[in-house]
């Protein structure tokens, strides 16, 4: 009987699906933003403020950022898991990555709702 060695945390399909879903969300937002930018009368600060003044655009933009940060988390976490072998260093890098991405999410929210 052949005994298979299992390694890792078995995130496989869930992470693969998360990467695809977040990539689709980011692609759809990019298309939406491109259409909105094409429809702007001019590219002044007032036009930009008007574009992002609606609650829907702020929400969709924040959703984009959350998808971006989760997409980045899955990718960076996999890099740390694959290439950093000492557990303590890997755990520290995971924590730093989480704190940085959460900080970016808070910063994005602050910027969006400050307009």
PDB file of N, CA and C in Angstrom:
ATOM      1  N   UNK A   1       0.832  -1.151   0.000  1.00  0.00           N
ATOM      2  CA  UNK A   1       0.000   0.000   0.000  1.00  0.00           C
ATOM      3  C   UNK A   1       0.899   1.244   0.000  1.00  0.00           C
ATOM      4  N   UNK A   2       0.549   2.201  -0.847  1.00  0.00           N
ATOM      5  CA  UNK A   2       1.296   3.446  -0.946  1.00  0.00           C
ATOM      6  C   UNK A   2       0.689   4.454   0.013  1.00  0.00           C
ATOM      7  N   UNK A   3       1.534   5.034   0.795  1.00  0.00           N
ATOM      8  CA  UNK A   3       1.061   6.021   1.760  1.00  0.00           C
ATOM      9  C   UNK A   3       1.384   7.421   1.253  1.00  0.00           C
ATOM     10  N   UNK A   4       0.358   8.255   1.102  1.00  0.00           N
ATOM     11  CA  UNK A   4       0.554   9.605   0.596  1.00  0.00           C
ATOM     12  C   UNK A   4       0.864  10.541   1.752  1.00  0.00           C
ATOM     13  N   UNK A   5       1.803  11.442   1.508  1.00  0.00           N
ATOM     14  CA  UNK A   5       2.147  12.444   2.503  1.00  0.00           C
ATOM     15  C   UNK A   5       1.334  13.698   2.220  1.00  0.00           C
ATOM     16  N   UNK A   6       0.623  14.144   3.224  1.00  0.00           N
ATOM     17  CA  UNK A   6      -0.146  15.367   3.050  1.00  0.00           C
ATOM     18  C   UNK A   6       0.579  16.510   3.736  1.00  0.00           C
ATOM     19  N   UNK A   7       0.626  17.622   3.051  1.00  0.00           N
ATOM     20  CA  UNK A   7       1.277  18.804   3.606  1.00  0.00           C
ATOM     21  C   UNK A   7       0.355  19.996   3.446  1.00  0.00           C
ATOM     22  N   UNK A   8       0.635  21.038   4.193  1.00  0.00           N
ATOM     23  CA  UNK A   8      -0.153  22.261   4.067  1.00  0.00           C
ATOM     24  C   UNK A   8      -1.433  22.185   4.857  1.00  0.00           C
ATOM     25  N   UNK A   9      -2.230  23.196   4.695  1.00  0.00           N
ATOM     26  CA  UNK A   9      -3.460  23.303   5.475  1.00  0.00           C
ATOM     27  C   UNK A   9      -4.693  22.939   4.660  1.00  0.00           C
ATOM     28  N   UNK A  10      -4.521  22.421   3.450  1.00  0.00           N
ATOM     29  CA  UNK A  10      -5.625  21.977   2.597  1.00  0.00           C
ATOM     30  C   UNK A  10      -6.574  23.118   2.243  1.00  0.00           C
ATOM     31  N   UNK A  11      -6.032  24.265   1.891  1.00  0.00           N
ATOM     32  CA  UNK A  11      -6.857  25.397   1.504  1.00  0.00           C
ATOM     33  C   UNK A  11      -7.245  25.321   0.029  1.00  0.00           C
ATOM     34  N   UNK A  12      -6.585  24.517  -0.732  1.00  0.00           N
ATOM     35  CA  UNK A  12      -6.697  24.361  -2.165  1.00  0.00           C
ATOM     36  C   UNK A  12      -7.877  24.985  -2.881  1.00  0.00           C
ATOM     37  N   UNK A  13      -9.010  24.273  -2.912  1.00  0.00           N
ATOM     38  CA  UNK A  13     -10.149  24.723  -3.703  1.00  0.00           C
ATOM     39  C   UNK A  13     -10.718  26.025  -3.184  1.00  0.00           C
ATOM     40  N   UNK A  14     -10.811  26.196  -1.888  1.00  0.00           N
ATOM     41  CA  UNK A  14     -11.371  27.424  -1.315  1.00  0.00           C
ATOM     42  C   UNK A  14     -10.544  28.643  -1.718  1.00  0.00           C
ATOM     43  N   UNK A  15      -9.231  28.532  -1.662  1.00  0.00           N
ATOM     44  CA  UNK A  15      -8.370  29.646  -2.053  1.00  0.00           C
ATOM     45  C   UNK A  15      -8.417  29.884  -3.555  1.00  0.00           C
ATOM     46  N   UNK A  16      -8.451  28.809  -4.322  1.00  0.00           N
ATOM     47  CA  UNK A  16      -8.555  28.942  -5.772  1.00  0.00           C
ATOM     48  C   UNK A  16      -9.839  29.689  -6.131  1.00  0.00           C
ATOM     49  N   UNK A  17     -10.945  29.296  -5.494  1.00  0.00           N
ATOM     50  CA  UNK A  17     -12.229  29.947  -5.756  1.00  0.00           C
ATOM     51  C   UNK A  17     -12.213  31.402  -5.277  1.00  0.00           C
ATOM     52  N   UNK A  18     -11.635  31.667  -4.120  1.00  0.00           N
ATOM     53  CA  UNK A  18     -11.556  33.036  -3.600  1.00  0.00           C
ATOM     54  C   UNK A  18     -10.749  33.926  -4.539  1.00  0.00           C
ATOM     55  N   UNK A  19      -9.652  33.408  -5.065  1.00  0.00           N
ATOM     56  CA  UNK A  19      -8.848  34.189  -6.004  1.00  0.00           C
ATOM     57  C   UNK A  19      -9.657  34.518  -7.260  1.00  0.00           C
ATOM     58  N   UNK A  20     -10.422  33.557  -7.756  1.00  0.00           N
ATOM     59  CA  UNK A  20     -11.208  33.801  -8.980  1.00  0.00           C
ATOM     60  C   UNK A  20     -12.348  34.770  -8.727  1.00  0.00           C
ATOM     61  N   UNK A  21     -13.043  34.612  -7.611  1.00  0.00           N
ATOM     62  CA  UNK A  21     -14.185  35.491  -7.309  1.00  0.00           C
ATOM     63  C   UNK A  21     -13.703  36.917  -7.086  1.00  0.00           C
ATOM     64  N   UNK A  22     -12.637  37.094  -6.318  1.00  0.00           N
ATOM     65  CA  UNK A  22     -12.137  38.448  -6.083  1.00  0.00           C
ATOM     66  C   UNK A  22     -11.593  39.061  -7.371  1.00  0.00           C
ATOM     67  N   UNK A  23     -10.997  38.252  -8.227  1.00  0.00           N
ATOM     68  CA  UNK A  23     -10.513  38.767  -9.513  1.00  0.00           C
ATOM     69  C   UNK A  23     -11.685  39.223 -10.381  1.00  0.00           C
ATOM     70  N   UNK A  24     -12.792  38.493 -10.359  1.00  0.00           N
ATOM     71  CA  UNK A  24     -13.974  38.887 -11.129  1.00  0.00           C
ATOM     72  C   UNK A  24     -14.552  40.185 -10.584  1.00  0.00           C
ATOM     73  N   UNK A  25     -14.630  40.304  -9.258  1.00  0.00           N
ATOM     74  CA  UNK A  25     -15.138  41.536  -8.645  1.00  0.00           C
ATOM     75  C   UNK A  25     -14.263  42.721  -9.059  1.00  0.00           C
ATOM     76  N   UNK A  26     -12.947  42.551  -9.019  1.00  0.00           N
ATOM     77  CA  UNK A  26     -12.048  43.643  -9.390  1.00  0.00           C
ATOM     78  C   UNK A  26     -12.152  43.985 -10.871  1.00  0.00           C
ATOM     79  N   UNK A  27     -12.318  42.964 -11.721  1.00  0.00           N
ATOM     80  CA  UNK A  27     -12.460  43.215 -13.160  1.00  0.00           C
ATOM     81  C   UNK A  27     -13.763  43.952 -13.468  1.00  0.00           C
ATOM     82  N   UNK A  28     -14.852  43.537 -12.819  1.00  0.00           N
ATOM     83  CA  UNK A  28     -16.131  44.214 -13.038  1.00  0.00           C
ATOM     84  C   UNK A  28     -16.077  45.662 -12.568  1.00  0.00           C
ATOM     85  N   UNK A  29     -15.447  45.903 -11.437  1.00  0.00           N
ATOM     86  CA  UNK A  29     -15.308  47.269 -10.942  1.00  0.00           C
ATOM     87  C   UNK A  29     -14.474  48.103 -11.910  1.00  0.00           C
ATOM     88  N   UNK A  30     -13.421  47.529 -12.452  1.00  0.00           N
ATOM     89  CA  UNK A  30     -12.572  48.255 -13.392  1.00  0.00           C
ATOM     90  C   UNK A  30     -13.359  48.676 -14.620  1.00  0.00           C
ATOM     91  N   UNK A  31     -14.199  47.773 -15.135  1.00  0.00           N
ATOM     92  CA  UNK A  31     -15.041  48.105 -16.284  1.00  0.00           C
ATOM     93  C   UNK A  31     -16.039  49.201 -15.909  1.00  0.00           C
ATOM     94  N   UNK A  32     -16.674  49.064 -14.741  1.00  0.00           N
ATOM     95  CA  UNK A  32     -17.630  50.077 -14.281  1.00  0.00           C
ATOM     96  C   UNK A  32     -16.964  51.434 -14.128  1.00  0.00           C
ATOM     97  N   UNK A  33     -15.793  51.468 -13.524  1.00  0.00           N
ATOM     98  CA  UNK A  33     -15.082  52.732 -13.335  1.00  0.00           C
ATOM     99  C   UNK A  33     -14.682  53.334 -14.676  1.00  0.00           C
ATOM    100  N   UNK A  34     -14.243  52.502 -15.608  1.00  0.00           N
ATOM    101  CA  UNK A  34     -13.877  53.007 -16.939  1.00  0.00           C
ATOM    102  C   UNK A  34     -15.084  53.639 -17.624  1.00  0.00           C
ATOM    103  N   UNK A  35     -16.240  52.995 -17.526  1.00  0.00           N
ATOM    104  CA  UNK A  35     -17.460  53.550 -18.124  1.00  0.00           C
ATOM    105  C   UNK A  35     -17.820  54.873 -17.455  1.00  0.00           C
ATOM    106  N   UNK A  36     -17.736  54.908 -16.128  1.00  0.00           N
ATOM    107  CA  UNK A  36     -18.041  56.152 -15.401  1.00  0.00           C
ATOM    108  C   UNK A  36     -17.082  57.265 -15.786  1.00  0.00           C
ATOM    109  N   UNK A  37     -15.806  56.936 -15.962  1.00  0.00           N
ATOM    110  CA  UNK A  37     -14.828  57.955 -16.319  1.00  0.00           C
ATOM    111  C   UNK A  37     -15.044  58.468 -17.739  1.00  0.00           C
ATOM    112  N   UNK A  38     -15.443  57.599 -18.632  1.00  0.00           N
ATOM    113  CA  UNK A  38     -15.733  58.014 -20.001  1.00  0.00           C
ATOM    114  C   UNK A  38     -16.930  58.965 -20.029  1.00  0.00           C
ATOM    115  N   UNK A  39     -17.890  58.725 -19.147  1.00  0.00           N
ATOM    116  CA  UNK A  39     -19.112  59.536 -19.114  1.00  0.00           C
ATOM    117  C   UNK A  39     -18.950  60.848 -18.357  1.00  0.00           C
ATOM    118  N   UNK A  40     -17.814  61.075 -17.720  1.00  0.00           N
ATOM    119  CA  UNK A  40     -17.617  62.336 -16.997  1.00  0.00           C
ATOM    120  C   UNK A  40     -17.562  63.504 -17.986  1.00  0.00           C
ATOM    121  N   UNK A  41     -18.178  64.627 -17.634  1.00  0.00           N
ATOM    122  CA  UNK A  41     -18.131  65.779 -18.537  1.00  0.00           C
ATOM    123  C   UNK A  41     -16.729  66.376 -18.648  1.00  0.00           C
ATOM    124  N   UNK A  42     -16.005  66.397 -17.551  1.00  0.00           N
ATOM    125  CA  UNK A  42     -14.615  66.842 -17.544  1.00  0.00           C
ATOM    126  C   UNK A  42     -13.907  66.126 -16.396  1.00  0.00           C
ATOM    127  N   UNK A  43     -12.635  66.287 -16.334  1.00  0.00           N
ATOM    128  CA  UNK A  43     -11.869  65.567 -15.318  1.00  0.00           C
ATOM    129  C   UNK A  43     -11.407  66.502 -14.214  1.00  0.00           C
ATOM    130  N   UNK A  44     -12.295  67.324 -13.750  1.00  0.00           N
ATOM    131  CA  UNK A  44     -11.983  68.256 -12.675  1.00  0.00           C
ATOM    132  C   UNK A  44     -12.242  67.586 -11.322  1.00  0.00           C
ATOM    133  N   UNK A  45     -11.791  68.242 -10.289  1.00  0.00           N
ATOM    134  CA  UNK A  45     -11.999  67.738  -8.936  1.00  0.00           C
ATOM    135  C   UNK A  45     -13.484  67.653  -8.610  1.00  0.00           C
ATOM    136  N   UNK A  46     -14.259  68.622  -9.084  1.00  0.00           N
ATOM    137  CA  UNK A  46     -15.703  68.606  -8.832  1.00  0.00           C
ATOM    138  C   UNK A  46     -16.374  67.402  -9.480  1.00  0.00           C
ATOM    139  N   UNK A  47     -15.933  67.030 -10.679  1.00  0.00           N
ATOM    140  CA  UNK A  47     -16.499  65.850 -11.348  1.00  0.00           C
ATOM    141  C   UNK A  47     -16.172  64.575 -10.585  1.00  0.00           C
ATOM    142  N   UNK A  48     -14.928  64.481 -10.099  1.00  0.00           N
ATOM    143  CA  UNK A  48     -14.524  63.312  -9.316  1.00  0.00           C
ATOM    144  C   UNK A  48     -15.324  63.230  -8.025  1.00  0.00           C
ATOM    145  N   UNK A  49     -15.496  64.368  -7.363  1.00  0.00           N
ATOM    146  CA  UNK A  49     -16.282  64.381  -6.126  1.00  0.00           C
ATOM    147  C   UNK A  49     -17.726  63.982  -6.399  1.00  0.00           C
ATOM    148  N   UNK A  50     -18.279  64.474  -7.493  1.00  0.00           N
ATOM    149  CA  UNK A  50     -19.654  64.126  -7.845  1.00  0.00           C
ATOM    150  C   UNK A  50     -19.777  62.628  -8.122  1.00  0.00           C
ATOM    151  N   UNK A  51     -18.773  62.063  -8.786  1.00  0.00           N
ATOM    152  CA  UNK A  51     -18.800  60.630  -9.095  1.00  0.00           C
ATOM    153  C   UNK A  51     -18.804  59.796  -7.817  1.00  0.00           C
ATOM    154  N   UNK A  52     -17.979  60.184  -6.846  1.00  0.00           N
ATOM    155  CA  UNK A  52     -17.854  59.401  -5.624  1.00  0.00           C
ATOM    156  C   UNK A  52     -18.730  59.902  -4.479  1.00  0.00           C
ATOM    157  N   UNK A  53     -19.607  60.848  -4.749  1.00  0.00           N
ATOM    158  CA  UNK A  53     -20.456  61.375  -3.678  1.00  0.00           C
ATOM    159  C   UNK A  53     -21.626  60.448  -3.372  1.00  0.00           C
ATOM    160  N   UNK A  54     -22.029  59.652  -4.336  1.00  0.00           N
ATOM    161  CA  UNK A  54     -23.140  58.726  -4.110  1.00  0.00           C
ATOM    162  C   UNK A  54     -22.728  57.546  -3.245  1.00  0.00           C
ATOM    163  N   UNK A  55     -23.654  57.111  -2.418  1.00  0.00           N
ATOM    164  CA  UNK A  55     -23.371  55.983  -1.529  1.00  0.00           C
ATOM    165  C   UNK A  55     -23.077  54.695  -2.271  1.00  0.00           C
ATOM    166  N   UNK A  56     -23.733  54.488  -3.414  1.00  0.00           N
ATOM    167  CA  UNK A  56     -23.518  53.254  -4.176  1.00  0.00           C
ATOM    168  C   UNK A  56     -22.092  53.174  -4.701  1.00  0.00           C
ATOM    169  N   UNK A  57     -21.586  54.266  -5.246  1.00  0.00           N
ATOM    170  CA  UNK A  57     -20.220  54.254  -5.785  1.00  0.00           C
ATOM    171  C   UNK A  57     -19.202  54.062  -4.667  1.00  0.00           C
ATOM    172  N   UNK A  58     -19.439  54.674  -3.515  1.00  0.00           N
ATOM    173  CA  UNK A  58     -18.540  54.468  -2.381  1.00  0.00           C
ATOM    174  C   UNK A  58     -18.546  53.008  -1.951  1.00  0.00           C
ATOM    175  N   UNK A  59     -19.745  52.421  -1.877  1.00  0.00           N
ATOM    176  CA  UNK A  59     -19.859  51.022  -1.463  1.00  0.00           C
ATOM    177  C   UNK A  59     -19.163  50.099  -2.457  1.00  0.00           C
ATOM    178  N   UNK A  60     -19.404  50.313  -3.748  1.00  0.00           N
ATOM    179  CA  UNK A  60     -18.804  49.460  -4.777  1.00  0.00           C
ATOM    180  C   UNK A  60     -17.282  49.612  -4.768  1.00  0.00           C
ATOM    181  N   UNK A  61     -16.805  50.834  -4.560  1.00  0.00           N
ATOM    182  CA  UNK A  61     -15.359  51.060  -4.496  1.00  0.00           C
ATOM    183  C   UNK A  61     -14.767  50.378  -3.268  1.00  0.00           C
ATOM    184  N   UNK A  62     -15.452  50.464  -2.138  1.00  0.00           N
ATOM    185  CA  UNK A  62     -14.961  49.795  -0.937  1.00  0.00           C
ATOM    186  C   UNK A  62     -14.991  48.278  -1.116  1.00  0.00           C
ATOM    187  N   UNK A  63     -16.008  47.763  -1.788  1.00  0.00           N
ATOM    188  CA  UNK A  63     -16.068  46.336  -2.101  1.00  0.00           C
ATOM    189  C   UNK A  63     -14.882  45.929  -2.967  1.00  0.00           C
ATOM    190  N   UNK A  64     -14.527  46.781  -3.921  1.00  0.00           N
ATOM    191  CA  UNK A  64     -13.344  46.531  -4.746  1.00  0.00           C
ATOM    192  C   UNK A  64     -12.098  46.421  -3.872  1.00  0.00           C
ATOM    193  N   UNK A  65     -11.940  47.376  -2.949  1.00  0.00           N
ATOM    194  CA  UNK A  65     -10.756  47.352  -2.092  1.00  0.00           C
ATOM    195  C   UNK A  65     -10.734  46.117  -1.193  1.00  0.00           C
ATOM    196  N   UNK A  66     -11.888  45.730  -0.662  1.00  0.00           N
ATOM    197  CA  UNK A  66     -11.926  44.512   0.159  1.00  0.00           C
ATOM    198  C   UNK A  66     -11.550  43.285  -0.664  1.00  0.00           C
ATOM    199  N   UNK A  67     -12.051  43.215  -1.900  1.00  0.00           N
ATOM    200  CA  UNK A  67     -11.690  42.104  -2.783  1.00  0.00           C
ATOM    201  C   UNK A  67     -10.195  42.123  -3.078  1.00  0.00           C
ATOM    202  N   UNK A  68      -9.664  43.321  -3.315  1.00  0.00           N
ATOM    203  CA  UNK A  68      -8.228  43.454  -3.577  1.00  0.00           C
ATOM    204  C   UNK A  68      -7.397  42.981  -2.393  1.00  0.00           C
ATOM    205  N   UNK A  69      -7.793  43.391  -1.193  1.00  0.00           N
ATOM    206  CA  UNK A  69      -7.015  43.027  -0.003  1.00  0.00           C
ATOM    207  C   UNK A  69      -7.132  41.534   0.296  1.00  0.00           C
ATOM    208  N   UNK A  70      -8.318  40.956   0.096  1.00  0.00           N
ATOM    209  CA  UNK A  70      -8.439  39.508   0.328  1.00  0.00           C
ATOM    210  C   UNK A  70      -7.644  38.736  -0.722  1.00  0.00           C
ATOM    211  N   UNK A  71      -7.694  39.207  -1.965  1.00  0.00           N
ATOM    212  CA  UNK A  71      -6.922  38.599  -3.047  1.00  0.00           C
ATOM    213  C   UNK A  71      -5.432  38.633  -2.705  1.00  0.00           C
ATOM    214  N   UNK A  72      -4.984  39.787  -2.213  1.00  0.00           N
ATOM    215  CA  UNK A  72      -3.582  39.922  -1.818  1.00  0.00           C
ATOM    216  C   UNK A  72      -3.258  39.013  -0.638  1.00  0.00           C
ATOM    217  N   UNK A  73      -4.178  38.912   0.331  1.00  0.00           N
ATOM    218  CA  UNK A  73      -3.936  38.060   1.498  1.00  0.00           C
ATOM    219  C   UNK A  73      -3.714  36.613   1.084  1.00  0.00           C
ATOM    220  N   UNK A  74      -4.562  36.100   0.214  1.00  0.00           N
ATOM    221  CA  UNK A  74      -4.426  34.700  -0.208  1.00  0.00           C
ATOM    222  C   UNK A  74      -3.093  34.499  -0.919  1.00  0.00           C
ATOM    223  N   UNK A  75      -2.736  35.418  -1.791  1.00  0.00           N
ATOM    224  CA  UNK A  75      -1.476  35.279  -2.524  1.00  0.00           C
ATOM    225  C   UNK A  75      -0.261  35.387  -1.639  1.00  0.00           C
ATOM    226  N   UNK A  76      -0.223  36.396  -0.778  1.00  0.00           N
ATOM    227  CA  UNK A  76       0.939  36.588   0.102  1.00  0.00           C
ATOM    228  C   UNK A  76       1.041  35.459   1.121  1.00  0.00           C
ATOM    229  N   UNK A  77      -0.115  35.030   1.656  1.00  0.00           N
ATOM    230  CA  UNK A  77      -0.095  33.930   2.616  1.00  0.00           C
ATOM    231  C   UNK A  77       0.495  32.669   1.981  1.00  0.00           C
ATOM    232  N   UNK A  78       0.119  32.407   0.735  1.00  0.00           N
ATOM    233  CA  UNK A  78       0.670  31.232   0.055  1.00  0.00           C
ATOM    234  C   UNK A  78       2.179  31.371  -0.167  1.00  0.00           C
ATOM    235  N   UNK A  79       2.628  32.580  -0.468  1.00  0.00           N
ATOM    236  CA  UNK A  79       4.066  32.797  -0.619  1.00  0.00           C
ATOM    237  C   UNK A  79       4.773  32.524   0.699  1.00  0.00           C
ATOM    238  N   UNK A  80       4.248  33.072   1.804  1.00  0.00           N
ATOM    239  CA  UNK A  80       4.878  32.828   3.117  1.00  0.00           C
ATOM    240  C   UNK A  80       4.871  31.331   3.432  1.00  0.00           C
ATOM    241  N   UNK A  81       3.757  30.645   3.156  1.00  0.00           N
ATOM    242  CA  UNK A  81       3.673  29.213   3.478  1.00  0.00           C
ATOM    243  C   UNK A  81       4.624  28.380   2.628  1.00  0.00           C
ATOM    244  N   UNK A  82       4.833  28.781   1.383  1.00  0.00           N
ATOM    245  CA  UNK A  82       5.679  27.996   0.490  1.00  0.00           C
ATOM    246  C   UNK A  82       7.171  28.246   0.676  1.00  0.00           C
ATOM    247  N   UNK A  83       7.554  29.480   1.000  1.00  0.00           N
ATOM    248  CA  UNK A  83       8.963  29.827   0.948  1.00  0.00           C
ATOM    249  C   UNK A  83       9.600  30.171   2.290  1.00  0.00           C
ATOM    250  N   UNK A  84       8.814  30.394   3.321  1.00  0.00           N
ATOM    251  CA  UNK A  84       9.392  30.705   4.634  1.00  0.00           C
ATOM    252  C   UNK A  84       9.189  29.482   5.512  1.00  0.00           C
ATOM    253  N   UNK A  85      10.264  28.778   5.798  1.00  0.00           N
ATOM    254  CA  UNK A  85      10.160  27.511   6.518  1.00  0.00           C
ATOM    255  C   UNK A  85      10.105  27.642   8.040  1.00  0.00           C
ATOM    256  N   UNK A  86      10.860  28.538   8.678  1.00  0.00           N
ATOM    257  CA  UNK A  86      10.756  28.635  10.140  1.00  0.00           C
ATOM    258  C   UNK A  86       9.360  29.132  10.547  1.00  0.00           C
ATOM    259  N   UNK A  87       8.716  28.376  11.386  1.00  0.00           N
ATOM    260  CA  UNK A  87       7.330  28.666  11.761  1.00  0.00           C
ATOM    261  C   UNK A  87       7.179  30.025  12.436  1.00  0.00           C
ATOM    262  N   UNK A  88       8.102  30.378  13.297  1.00  0.00           N
ATOM    263  CA  UNK A  88       7.978  31.648  14.017  1.00  0.00           C
ATOM    264  C   UNK A  88       8.079  32.846  13.068  1.00  0.00           C
ATOM    265  N   UNK A  89       8.984  32.775  12.115  1.00  0.00           N
ATOM    266  CA  UNK A  89       9.116  33.868  11.147  1.00  0.00           C
ATOM    267  C   UNK A  89       7.881  33.929  10.257  1.00  0.00           C
ATOM    268  N   UNK A  90       7.402  32.753   9.837  1.00  0.00           N
ATOM    269  CA  UNK A  90       6.201  32.703   8.995  1.00  0.00           C
ATOM    270  C   UNK A  90       4.998  33.279   9.736  1.00  0.00           C
ATOM    271  N   UNK A  91       4.840  32.949  11.006  1.00  0.00           N
ATOM    272  CA  UNK A  91       3.732  33.489  11.801  1.00  0.00           C
ATOM    273  C   UNK A  91       3.846  35.002  11.936  1.00  0.00           C
ATOM    274  N   UNK A  92       5.055  35.477  12.162  1.00  0.00           N
ATOM    275  CA  UNK A  92       5.262  36.924  12.272  1.00  0.00           C
ATOM    276  C   UNK A  92       4.918  37.622  10.958  1.00  0.00           C
ATOM    277  N   UNK A  93       5.332  37.040   9.844  1.00  0.00           N
ATOM    278  CA  UNK A  93       5.020  37.625   8.540  1.00  0.00           C
ATOM    279  C   UNK A  93       3.515  37.599   8.264  1.00  0.00           C
ATOM    280  N   UNK A  94       2.844  36.524   8.668  1.00  0.00           N
ATOM    281  CA  UNK A  94       1.383  36.461   8.525  1.00  0.00           C
ATOM    282  C   UNK A  94       0.729  37.591   9.305  1.00  0.00           C
ATOM    283  N   UNK A  95       1.156  37.778  10.547  1.00  0.00           N
ATOM    284  CA  UNK A  95       0.574  38.829  11.388  1.00  0.00           C
ATOM    285  C   UNK A  95       0.818  40.212  10.808  1.00  0.00           C
ATOM    286  N   UNK A  96       2.038  40.473  10.356  1.00  0.00           N
ATOM    287  CA  UNK A  96       2.351  41.771   9.759  1.00  0.00           C
ATOM    288  C   UNK A  96       1.492  42.001   8.518  1.00  0.00           C
ATOM    289  N   UNK A  97       1.359  40.972   7.695  1.00  0.00           N
ATOM    290  CA  UNK A  97       0.552  41.092   6.477  1.00  0.00           C
ATOM    291  C   UNK A  97      -0.902  41.391   6.821  1.00  0.00           C
ATOM    292  N   UNK A  98      -1.453  40.693   7.795  1.00  0.00           N
ATOM    293  CA  UNK A  98      -2.844  40.923   8.198  1.00  0.00           C
ATOM    294  C   UNK A  98      -3.023  42.351   8.703  1.00  0.00           C
ATOM    295  N   UNK A  99      -2.127  42.803   9.569  1.00  0.00           N
ATOM    296  CA  UNK A  99      -2.249  44.154  10.128  1.00  0.00           C
ATOM    297  C   UNK A  99      -2.118  45.227   9.050  1.00  0.00           C
ATOM    298  N   UNK A 100      -1.211  45.017   8.115  1.00  0.00           N
ATOM    299  CA  UNK A 100      -1.034  45.986   7.028  1.00  0.00           C
ATOM    300  C   UNK A 100      -2.283  46.032   6.155  1.00  0.00           C
ATOM    301  N   UNK A 101      -2.820  44.876   5.774  1.00  0.00           N
ATOM    302  CA  UNK A 101      -4.005  44.848   4.915  1.00  0.00           C
ATOM    303  C   UNK A 101      -5.232  45.416   5.632  1.00  0.00           C
ATOM    304  N   UNK A 102      -5.382  45.128   6.927  1.00  0.00           N
ATOM    305  CA  UNK A 102      -6.483  45.731   7.685  1.00  0.00           C
ATOM    306  C   UNK A 102      -6.311  47.245   7.794  1.00  0.00           C
ATOM    307  N   UNK A 103      -5.078  47.693   7.964  1.00  0.00           N
ATOM    308  CA  UNK A 103      -4.812  49.127   7.987  1.00  0.00           C
ATOM    309  C   UNK A 103      -5.153  49.784   6.662  1.00  0.00           C
ATOM    310  N   UNK A 104      -4.817  49.119   5.565  1.00  0.00           N
ATOM    311  CA  UNK A 104      -5.164  49.647   4.245  1.00  0.00           C
ATOM    312  C   UNK A 104      -6.679  49.714   4.065  1.00  0.00           C
ATOM    313  N   UNK A 105      -7.398  48.705   4.555  1.00  0.00           N
ATOM    314  CA  UNK A 105      -8.863  48.709   4.447  1.00  0.00           C
ATOM    315  C   UNK A 105      -9.452  49.875   5.238  1.00  0.00           C
ATOM    316  N   UNK A 106      -8.940  50.107   6.430  1.00  0.00           N
ATOM    317  CA  UNK A 106      -9.410  51.247   7.215  1.00  0.00           C
ATOM    318  C   UNK A 106      -9.084  52.565   6.548  1.00  0.00           C
ATOM    319  N   UNK A 107      -7.913  52.655   5.965  1.00  0.00           N
ATOM    320  CA  UNK A 107      -7.502  53.863   5.267  1.00  0.00           C
ATOM    321  C   UNK A 107      -8.402  54.117   4.056  1.00  0.00           C
ATOM    322  N   UNK A 108      -8.712  53.044   3.300  1.00  0.00           N
ATOM    323  CA  UNK A 108      -9.605  53.183   2.147  1.00  0.00           C
ATOM    324  C   UNK A 108     -10.977  53.663   2.587  1.00  0.00           C
ATOM    325  N   UNK A 109     -11.499  53.120   3.666  1.00  0.00           N
ATOM    326  CA  UNK A 109     -12.802  53.554   4.170  1.00  0.00           C
ATOM    327  C   UNK A 109     -12.764  55.021   4.588  1.00  0.00           C
ATOM    328  N   UNK A 110     -11.697  55.413   5.253  1.00  0.00           N
ATOM    329  CA  UNK A 110     -11.552  56.805   5.678  1.00  0.00           C
ATOM    330  C   UNK A 110     -11.524  57.737   4.471  1.00  0.00           C
ATOM    331  N   UNK A 111     -10.788  57.372   3.456  1.00  0.00           N
ATOM    332  CA  UNK A 111     -10.695  58.212   2.252  1.00  0.00           C
ATOM    333  C   UNK A 111     -12.048  58.293   1.551  1.00  0.00           C
ATOM    334  N   UNK A 112     -12.710  57.160   1.387  1.00  0.00           N
ATOM    335  CA  UNK A 112     -13.988  57.143   0.658  1.00  0.00           C
ATOM    336  C   UNK A 112     -15.075  57.926   1.373  1.00  0.00           C
ATOM    337  N   UNK A 113     -15.164  57.805   2.676  1.00  0.00           N
ATOM    338  CA  UNK A 113     -16.266  58.453   3.381  1.00  0.00           C
ATOM    339  C   UNK A 113     -15.900  59.862   3.876  1.00  0.00           C
ATOM    340  N   UNK A 114     -14.694  60.305   3.546  1.00  0.00           N
ATOM    341  CA  UNK A 114     -14.306  61.664   3.856  1.00  0.00           C
ATOM    342  C   UNK A 114     -14.722  62.612   2.738  1.00  0.00           C
ATOM    343  N   UNK A 115     -14.916  62.090   1.540  1.00  0.00           N
ATOM    344  CA  UNK A 115     -15.240  62.936   0.389  1.00  0.00           C
ATOM    345  C   UNK A 115     -16.517  63.710   0.581  1.00  0.00           C
TER     346      UNK A 115
END
